């Protein structure tokens, strides 16, 4: 059963919500299509703007000659090591982290270098900064921030676009660790070798596990790799990216290499603050209002008898937008979140950026779809012709399915 699309919001709303990451996917898609056309024509792509990581605005990056007739390598640079089995993801994930990446974008005979910094205070606070040049970077080009139910994008000039929307994981945070087994089972992640990346402060480097997939992880979407179009990524024991290289039509298009990774640093809350007037519903924003969690807000409301084990309910919220409204229950357990969102079709969030789905039994909700994304799995159900239920979280797909089957209709 394919995810229902009738009456869904336009994809531009998702773009406004997490613009920094969504633009990266758009640019990567455009470059992939261009590379495919180039391969078919058996000539190099001429003209066009260079791919810019995340925000698409790092025009001031350092541009270098690639050198050599073969161009840059498609291989990862982290050193291969001998090890048995896949590197397991720890169950003790960091509550916060700071990662700085050297970003290389390849276009024709040049490489453009920029700096990406990601600050995350799990589960909701995130900041993604793009700066020109080699790390630590020079002039700022773009910044995106997220806090609970509010998102902001800041331009080079400092102007902000602020919007309310449904709570989800922090902007820039990658949460594939709990889904790795399912990703491998479905052929969306193909395990490779173990490697060790060089990082300051780690005398022996930091070990990571390689996987081949079909899309950059920060694009949210997860797809299967092909022989000529793929992404090789090396994830450390916490599930964070140490290196990632994207290939289209057999040629590399971009590379991320971690130069700094700090786990559980003390981050200043002011760095995530979002202040200012929010855009209205007519521009794609939403008004998020807390409502009484002890009373079903509408007939036939689906709810859990109690919070999932170890979780507390942060609240129940009405999300009101221009095309429709929905309700969301939010549960938190340390760095983990689970949300149950539901309503009429007009208020159903767009999930067209998700990869292929898998049919799953969701108990009283009926047969639904399991969608695996880099921010955690989402289960999609349509228990009636005029309703939807989305169960999303940072748990494993099996754990999330178990929660979905325990939902009861009022």
Protein backbone atom coordinates (compact mmCIF):
# COMPACT_ATOMS: atom_id res chain seq x y z
CA UNK A 1 0.00 0.00 0.00
CA UNK A 2 1.63 3.23 -1.14
CA UNK A 3 1.57 6.26 1.17
CA UNK A 4 -1.55 8.30 0.63
CA UNK A 5 -0.95 11.57 -1.20
CA UNK A 6 -4.41 13.10 -1.59
CA UNK A 7 -4.76 16.52 0.05
CA UNK A 8 -1.19 16.56 1.33
CA UNK A 9 0.67 19.78 1.84
CA UNK A 10 2.97 20.96 -0.91
CA UNK A 11 6.60 19.84 -0.58
CA UNK A 12 7.63 23.51 -0.20
CA UNK A 13 6.35 23.36 3.37
CA UNK A 14 8.82 20.63 4.22
CA UNK A 15 11.53 22.67 2.53
CA UNK A 16 10.75 25.68 4.70
CA UNK A 17 10.77 23.51 7.81
CA UNK A 18 14.24 22.07 7.25
CA UNK A 19 15.55 24.15 4.40
CA UNK A 20 19.25 23.61 5.06
CA UNK A 21 18.96 19.85 4.62
CA UNK A 22 16.25 19.78 1.99
CA UNK A 23 18.19 22.04 -0.37
CA UNK A 24 21.07 19.63 -0.22
CA UNK A 25 18.79 16.89 -1.52
CA UNK A 26 17.46 19.12 -4.28
CA UNK A 27 20.95 20.07 -5.42
CA UNK A 28 22.15 16.46 -5.24
CA UNK A 29 19.17 15.34 -7.32
CA UNK A 30 19.86 18.00 -9.94
CA UNK A 31 23.52 17.05 -10.14
CA UNK A 32 22.70 13.36 -10.41
CA UNK A 33 20.35 14.02 -13.34
CA UNK A 34 22.93 16.23 -15.03
CA UNK A 35 25.65 13.62 -14.54
CA UNK A 36 23.45 10.94 -16.04
CA UNK A 37 22.80 13.08 -19.10
CA UNK A 38 26.53 13.73 -19.39
CA UNK A 39 27.31 10.02 -19.24
CA UNK A 40 24.78 9.23 -21.93
CA UNK A 41 26.21 11.96 -24.17
CA UNK A 42 29.76 10.74 -23.32
CA UNK A 43 30.98 14.24 -22.59
CA UNK A 44 31.51 16.33 -19.49
CA UNK A 45 28.81 18.58 -18.18
CA UNK A 46 29.59 22.16 -19.19
CA UNK A 47 28.33 25.25 -17.39
CA UNK A 48 25.95 25.39 -14.46
CA UNK A 49 26.56 26.28 -10.84
CA UNK A 50 28.77 24.14 -8.64
CA UNK A 51 27.05 21.92 -6.14
CA UNK A 52 27.02 23.55 -2.72
CA UNK A 53 26.60 21.38 0.36
CA UNK A 54 23.46 21.80 2.52
CA UNK A 55 22.32 25.37 1.98
CA UNK A 56 23.34 25.89 -1.63
CA UNK A 57 24.79 29.30 -0.83
CA UNK A 58 28.53 28.80 -0.32
CA UNK A 59 29.56 30.72 -3.42
CA UNK A 60 32.61 32.08 -1.63
CA UNK A 61 34.23 28.68 -0.99
CA UNK A 62 37.87 28.05 -1.84
CA UNK A 63 38.16 26.68 -5.38
CA UNK A 64 41.05 24.34 -6.19
CA UNK A 65 42.18 22.53 -9.29
CA UNK A 66 41.45 18.80 -9.13
CA UNK A 67 44.59 17.91 -11.04
CA UNK A 68 45.13 14.80 -13.13
CA UNK A 69 43.00 13.43 -15.94
CA UNK A 70 41.05 11.06 -13.73
CA UNK A 71 39.76 13.70 -11.30
CA UNK A 72 39.04 13.04 -7.62
CA UNK A 73 38.75 9.55 -6.21
CA UNK A 74 35.39 7.95 -5.49
CA UNK A 75 36.88 6.06 -2.55
CA UNK A 76 36.77 6.93 1.13
CA UNK A 77 40.01 8.25 2.61
CA UNK A 78 39.72 6.73 6.10
CA UNK A 79 42.21 3.87 6.49
CA UNK A 80 40.92 0.31 6.19
CA UNK A 81 41.42 -1.94 9.21
CA UNK A 82 40.97 -5.65 9.88
CA UNK A 83 37.92 -6.42 12.01
CA UNK A 84 35.21 -9.05 12.28
CA UNK A 85 31.58 -8.15 11.72
CA UNK A 86 29.87 -4.80 11.61
CA UNK A 87 30.71 -2.10 14.13
CA UNK A 88 27.84 -2.05 16.62
CA UNK A 89 26.13 1.21 17.54
CA UNK A 90 26.39 1.98 21.24
CA UNK A 91 23.23 2.11 23.33
CA UNK A 92 24.68 5.10 25.21
CA UNK A 93 24.29 7.84 22.63
CA UNK A 94 25.65 11.34 23.24
CA UNK A 95 23.14 13.88 24.51
CA UNK A 96 24.99 16.59 22.58
CA UNK A 97 27.72 16.86 19.98
CA UNK A 98 29.64 19.29 17.80
CA UNK A 99 30.87 18.15 14.40
CA UNK A 100 32.89 20.17 11.89
CA UNK A 101 33.28 18.92 8.33
CA UNK A 102 35.52 19.81 5.42
CA UNK A 103 33.10 19.81 2.49
CA UNK A 104 34.38 19.28 -1.04
CA UNK A 105 32.10 19.84 -4.03
CA UNK A 106 33.31 18.59 -7.41
CA UNK A 107 32.34 20.32 -10.64
CA UNK A 108 34.13 19.68 -13.93
CA UNK A 109 37.85 20.29 -13.24
CA UNK A 110 37.54 22.14 -9.93
CA UNK A 111 36.94 21.37 -6.28
CA UNK A 112 35.17 23.90 -4.06
CA UNK A 113 35.95 23.65 -0.35
CA UNK A 114 33.73 24.94 2.44
CA UNK A 115 33.13 24.30 6.14
CA UNK A 116 30.04 22.81 7.77
CA UNK A 117 29.50 22.93 11.52
CA UNK A 118 26.69 21.01 13.21
CA UNK A 119 25.74 21.61 16.84
CA UNK A 120 23.11 19.35 18.38
CA UNK A 121 21.55 19.25 21.84
CA UNK A 122 19.28 16.24 21.61
CA UNK A 123 16.51 15.70 21.06
CA UNK A 124 15.23 19.01 19.62
CA UNK A 125 17.91 21.74 19.47
CA UNK A 126 20.11 21.94 16.39
CA UNK A 127 22.21 24.44 14.46
CA UNK A 128 23.80 24.00 11.02
CA UNK A 129 26.32 26.65 9.91
CA UNK A 130 27.92 26.96 6.47
CA UNK A 131 31.12 29.00 6.10
CA UNK A 132 33.38 29.61 3.15
CA UNK A 133 36.82 28.06 2.93
CA UNK A 134 38.75 25.43 4.85
CA UNK A 135 37.78 24.60 8.46
CA UNK A 136 37.26 26.42 10.72
CA UNK A 137 35.88 28.56 7.90
CA UNK A 138 35.71 32.26 7.23
CA UNK A 139 32.66 34.32 6.28
CA UNK A 140 29.33 32.78 7.21
CA UNK A 141 27.04 31.95 4.29
CA UNK A 142 24.04 30.29 5.91
CA UNK A 143 22.70 29.16 9.26
CA UNK A 144 19.69 27.06 10.21
CA UNK A 145 18.37 26.44 13.73
CA UNK A 146 15.73 24.30 15.35
CA UNK A 147 14.11 24.16 18.74
CA UNK A 148 10.96 22.42 19.90
CA UNK A 149 8.25 23.17 17.28
CA UNK A 150 10.09 26.16 15.75
CA UNK A 151 12.63 26.41 12.92
CA UNK A 152 14.64 29.30 11.52
CA UNK A 153 16.86 29.92 8.51
CA UNK A 154 19.28 32.83 8.54
CA UNK A 155 20.66 34.30 5.32
CA UNK A 156 24.19 35.64 4.79
CA UNK A 157 22.86 39.10 5.63
CA UNK A 158 21.42 37.82 8.90
CA UNK A 159 17.75 38.01 7.89
CA UNK A 160 15.70 35.20 9.46
CA UNK A 161 12.74 33.19 8.26
CA UNK A 162 11.06 31.66 11.30
CA UNK A 163 8.25 29.13 11.21
CA UNK A 164 6.36 26.90 13.61
CA UNK A 165 5.84 23.24 12.79
CA UNK A 166 5.56 19.77 14.29
CA UNK A 167 8.34 18.79 16.71
CA UNK A 168 10.93 16.40 15.31
CA UNK A 169 14.61 15.59 15.84
CA UNK A 170 17.13 18.43 15.87
CA UNK A 171 18.11 20.05 12.60
CA UNK A 172 21.23 18.32 11.25
CA UNK A 173 20.96 15.29 13.55
CA UNK A 174 21.42 11.88 11.91
CA UNK A 175 19.53 9.06 13.67
CA UNK A 176 20.01 5.89 11.62
CA UNK A 177 21.61 3.79 14.37
CA UNK A 178 18.41 2.14 15.60
CA UNK A 179 17.35 1.33 12.02
CA UNK A 180 20.60 -0.18 10.74
CA UNK A 181 19.47 -3.81 10.80
CA UNK A 182 16.29 -2.97 8.88
CA UNK A 183 18.22 -0.78 6.42
CA UNK A 184 20.62 -3.65 5.69
CA UNK A 185 17.81 -6.21 5.47
CA UNK A 186 15.93 -4.09 2.91
CA UNK A 187 19.04 -3.46 0.79
CA UNK A 188 19.05 0.27 1.50
CA UNK A 189 22.41 0.02 3.31
CA UNK A 190 25.07 -2.39 2.06
CA UNK A 191 27.75 -3.03 4.72
CA UNK A 192 31.38 -2.64 3.69
CA UNK A 193 34.70 -2.61 5.49
CA UNK A 194 35.78 -1.15 8.80
CA UNK A 195 37.98 1.95 8.76
CA UNK A 196 39.77 4.36 11.05
CA UNK A 197 39.45 8.10 10.46
CA UNK A 198 42.06 10.61 11.61
CA UNK A 199 40.62 13.15 14.04
CA UNK A 200 42.35 15.68 16.32
CA UNK A 201 42.48 14.42 19.89
CA UNK A 202 42.24 10.78 18.86
CA UNK A 203 45.80 9.46 18.71
CA UNK A 204 44.79 6.21 17.05
CA UNK A 205 41.99 7.72 15.03
CA UNK A 206 38.29 6.91 15.35
CA UNK A 207 36.87 3.65 14.06
CA UNK A 208 33.89 3.63 11.71
CA UNK A 209 31.79 1.21 9.66
CA UNK A 210 31.22 1.80 5.95
CA UNK A 211 27.86 1.45 4.26
CA UNK A 212 26.83 2.02 0.65
CA UNK A 213 23.44 3.67 0.22
CA UNK A 214 21.67 5.74 -2.42
CA UNK A 215 21.32 9.26 -0.98
CA UNK A 216 23.32 11.61 1.29
CA UNK A 217 22.17 10.99 4.85
CA UNK A 218 21.42 14.63 5.57
CA UNK A 219 18.90 14.62 2.72
CA UNK A 220 16.47 12.70 5.04
CA UNK A 221 15.59 10.37 2.17
CA UNK A 222 17.10 6.87 2.11
CA UNK A 223 17.26 4.95 -1.17
CA UNK A 224 19.07 1.89 -2.47
CA UNK A 225 22.42 2.33 -4.22
CA UNK A 226 23.03 1.41 -7.85
CA UNK A 227 26.22 0.47 -9.66
CA UNK A 228 26.83 4.06 -10.78
CA UNK A 229 24.84 6.20 -8.33
CA UNK A 230 25.60 5.73 -4.66
CA UNK A 231 26.84 7.25 -1.42
CA UNK A 232 29.56 5.66 0.70
CA UNK A 233 29.38 6.70 4.34
CA UNK A 234 31.47 5.75 7.37
CA UNK A 235 29.57 5.81 10.68
CA UNK A 236 31.24 5.73 14.08
CA UNK A 237 30.04 3.81 17.14
CA UNK A 238 27.51 6.58 17.91
CA UNK A 239 26.05 6.52 14.39
CA UNK A 240 27.59 9.87 13.40
CA UNK A 241 29.19 10.57 10.03
CA UNK A 242 33.00 10.60 9.91
CA UNK A 243 33.22 10.61 6.12
CA UNK A 244 30.77 10.55 3.22
CA UNK A 245 31.31 10.62 -0.54
CA UNK A 246 28.49 10.86 -3.10
CA UNK A 247 28.86 9.45 -6.62
CA UNK A 248 26.62 10.08 -9.64
CA UNK A 249 27.08 8.36 -13.00
CA UNK A 250 30.33 6.95 -11.65
CA UNK A 251 31.80 10.35 -10.78
CA UNK A 252 32.13 11.90 -7.31
CA UNK A 253 29.98 14.97 -6.68
CA UNK A 254 30.70 15.77 -3.04
CA UNK A 255 32.67 14.64 0.00
CA UNK A 256 32.33 15.34 3.72
CA UNK A 257 35.26 14.66 6.04
CA UNK A 258 34.98 15.23 9.78
CA UNK A 259 37.76 17.42 11.15
CA UNK A 260 36.28 17.81 14.64
CA UNK A 261 33.91 15.60 16.63
CA UNK A 262 33.16 16.50 20.24
CA UNK A 263 30.78 14.26 22.17
CA UNK A 264 28.77 15.69 25.06
CA UNK A 265 30.30 19.17 25.00
CA UNK A 266 28.73 21.96 27.04
CA UNK A 267 26.75 23.95 24.48
CA UNK A 268 25.45 27.44 25.14
CA UNK A 269 21.61 27.41 24.92
CA UNK A 270 21.77 30.93 23.48
CA UNK A 271 23.33 29.46 20.36
CA UNK A 272 20.06 27.71 19.54
CA UNK A 273 17.74 30.59 20.47
CA UNK A 274 15.15 31.60 17.87
CA UNK A 275 13.60 35.00 18.34
CA UNK A 276 11.49 37.10 16.04
CA UNK A 277 8.20 37.13 14.22
CA UNK A 278 7.10 33.85 12.69
CA UNK A 279 5.75 33.55 9.18
CA UNK A 280 2.02 33.00 8.92
CA UNK A 281 0.06 30.04 7.65
CA UNK A 282 -0.30 31.74 4.26
CA UNK A 283 3.49 31.43 3.86
CA UNK A 284 3.71 27.83 5.01
CA UNK A 285 4.12 28.31 8.76
CA UNK A 286 2.01 26.66 11.43
CA UNK A 287 0.71 27.66 14.82
CA UNK A 288 1.56 25.04 17.46
CA UNK A 289 -0.62 25.21 20.58
CA UNK A 290 -0.59 22.88 23.58
CA UNK A 291 -3.98 21.33 24.41
CA UNK A 292 -5.34 19.19 27.25
CA UNK A 293 -3.66 15.79 27.05
CA UNK A 294 -6.24 14.10 29.28
CA UNK A 295 -9.18 14.61 26.90
CA UNK A 296 -9.49 13.28 23.35
CA UNK A 297 -9.55 16.41 21.17
CA UNK A 298 -11.71 14.77 18.49
CA UNK A 299 -13.96 11.71 18.13
CA UNK A 300 -12.07 8.56 17.19
CA UNK A 301 -8.74 9.86 18.53
CA UNK A 302 -5.94 7.28 18.67
CA UNK A 303 -3.89 7.28 21.88
CA UNK A 304 -1.64 5.13 24.05
CA UNK A 305 -2.93 3.93 27.41
CA UNK A 306 0.39 5.07 28.93
CA UNK A 307 3.67 6.53 27.68
CA UNK A 308 6.14 4.02 26.20
CA UNK A 309 8.49 2.40 28.72
CA UNK A 310 10.90 4.98 30.12
CA UNK A 311 9.24 7.87 28.26
CA UNK A 312 7.29 10.82 29.60
CA UNK A 313 4.66 12.69 27.65
CA UNK A 314 5.88 16.18 26.91
CA UNK A 315 2.46 17.24 25.74
CA UNK A 316 -0.32 17.15 23.16
CA UNK A 317 -0.37 19.89 20.55
CA UNK A 318 -2.63 21.29 17.86
CA UNK A 319 -0.78 22.09 14.64
CA UNK A 320 -2.81 24.57 12.61
CA UNK A 321 -1.73 25.44 9.06
CA UNK A 322 -3.25 26.97 5.97
CA UNK A 323 -4.39 23.67 4.45
CA UNK A 324 -5.53 21.83 7.54
CA UNK A 325 -4.91 20.96 11.17
CA UNK A 326 -3.66 17.91 13.02
CA UNK A 327 -2.77 16.84 16.55
CA UNK A 328 0.50 15.41 17.81
CA UNK A 329 1.40 13.62 21.05
CA UNK A 330 5.09 13.99 21.93
CA UNK A 331 6.98 11.56 24.19
CA UNK A 332 10.59 12.00 25.35
CA UNK A 333 13.16 9.68 26.93
CA UNK A 334 16.55 11.33 27.19
CA UNK A 335 17.84 11.67 23.61
CA UNK A 336 14.91 9.70 22.14
CA UNK A 337 11.53 10.92 20.98
CA UNK A 338 8.30 9.29 19.79
CA UNK A 339 5.47 11.24 18.20
CA UNK A 340 1.94 10.21 17.23
CA UNK A 341 0.41 12.63 14.75
CA UNK A 342 -3.11 12.34 13.36
CA UNK A 343 -5.98 14.18 11.78
CA UNK A 344 -7.98 14.64 8.60
CA UNK A 345 -6.30 14.24 5.17
CA UNK A 346 -5.93 18.00 4.68
CA UNK A 347 -3.59 18.15 7.66
CA UNK A 348 -1.41 15.17 6.69
CA UNK A 349 2.28 16.13 6.41
CA UNK A 350 4.04 15.55 3.13
CA UNK A 351 6.31 12.50 3.01
CA UNK A 352 7.16 12.49 -0.68
CA UNK A 353 10.83 12.90 0.30
CA UNK A 354 10.80 9.45 1.91
CA UNK A 355 12.31 6.43 0.21
CA UNK A 356 10.53 3.16 -0.64
CA UNK A 357 8.07 1.87 1.93
CA UNK A 358 7.35 -1.57 3.33
CA UNK A 359 3.91 -2.92 4.21
CA UNK A 360 3.53 -3.69 7.92
CA UNK A 361 0.74 -4.84 10.23
CA UNK A 362 -0.24 -2.02 12.61
CA UNK A 363 -2.93 -3.84 14.54
CA UNK A 364 -6.18 -1.92 14.87
CA UNK A 365 -4.77 0.74 12.53
CA UNK A 366 -4.72 -1.83 9.73
CA UNK A 367 -1.97 -2.37 7.18
CA UNK A 368 0.40 0.56 7.01
CA UNK A 369 3.70 1.62 5.54
CA UNK A 370 7.10 1.59 7.22
CA UNK A 371 9.28 4.41 5.88
CA UNK A 372 12.97 4.49 6.84
CA UNK A 373 14.54 7.95 6.95
CA UNK A 374 17.77 9.33 8.34
CA UNK A 375 15.89 10.96 11.24
CA UNK A 376 14.30 7.66 12.27
CA UNK A 377 11.48 5.46 10.97
CA UNK A 378 7.92 6.63 10.33
CA UNK A 379 4.85 4.38 10.26
CA UNK A 380 1.99 5.65 8.09
CA UNK A 381 -1.59 4.43 8.53
CA UNK A 382 -4.95 5.44 7.08
CA UNK A 383 -7.45 3.68 9.35
CA UNK A 384 -10.34 5.48 7.71
CA UNK A 385 -11.03 7.24 4.44
CA UNK A 386 -10.88 10.59 6.21
CA UNK A 387 -8.02 10.13 8.66
CA UNK A 388 -4.29 9.52 8.92
CA UNK A 389 -1.97 8.43 11.73
CA UNK A 390 1.82 8.84 11.63
CA UNK A 391 3.98 7.23 14.32
CA UNK A 392 7.57 8.51 14.20
CA UNK A 393 10.54 8.07 16.50
CA UNK A 394 14.20 7.39 17.06
CA UNK A 395 13.54 3.79 18.10
CA UNK A 396 14.02 0.70 15.94
CA UNK A 397 11.29 0.00 13.36
CA UNK A 398 10.20 -3.08 15.35
CA UNK A 399 9.90 -1.12 18.61
CA UNK A 400 7.94 1.61 16.85
CA UNK A 401 5.64 -0.96 15.25
CA UNK A 402 4.96 -2.41 18.68
CA UNK A 403 3.88 1.02 19.93
CA UNK A 404 1.67 1.61 16.92
CA UNK A 405 -0.18 -1.66 17.46
CA UNK A 406 -0.95 -0.62 21.03
CA UNK A 407 -2.76 2.57 20.04
CA UNK A 408 -6.43 2.60 21.05
CA UNK A 409 -9.27 4.52 19.43
CA UNK A 410 -11.41 6.67 21.72
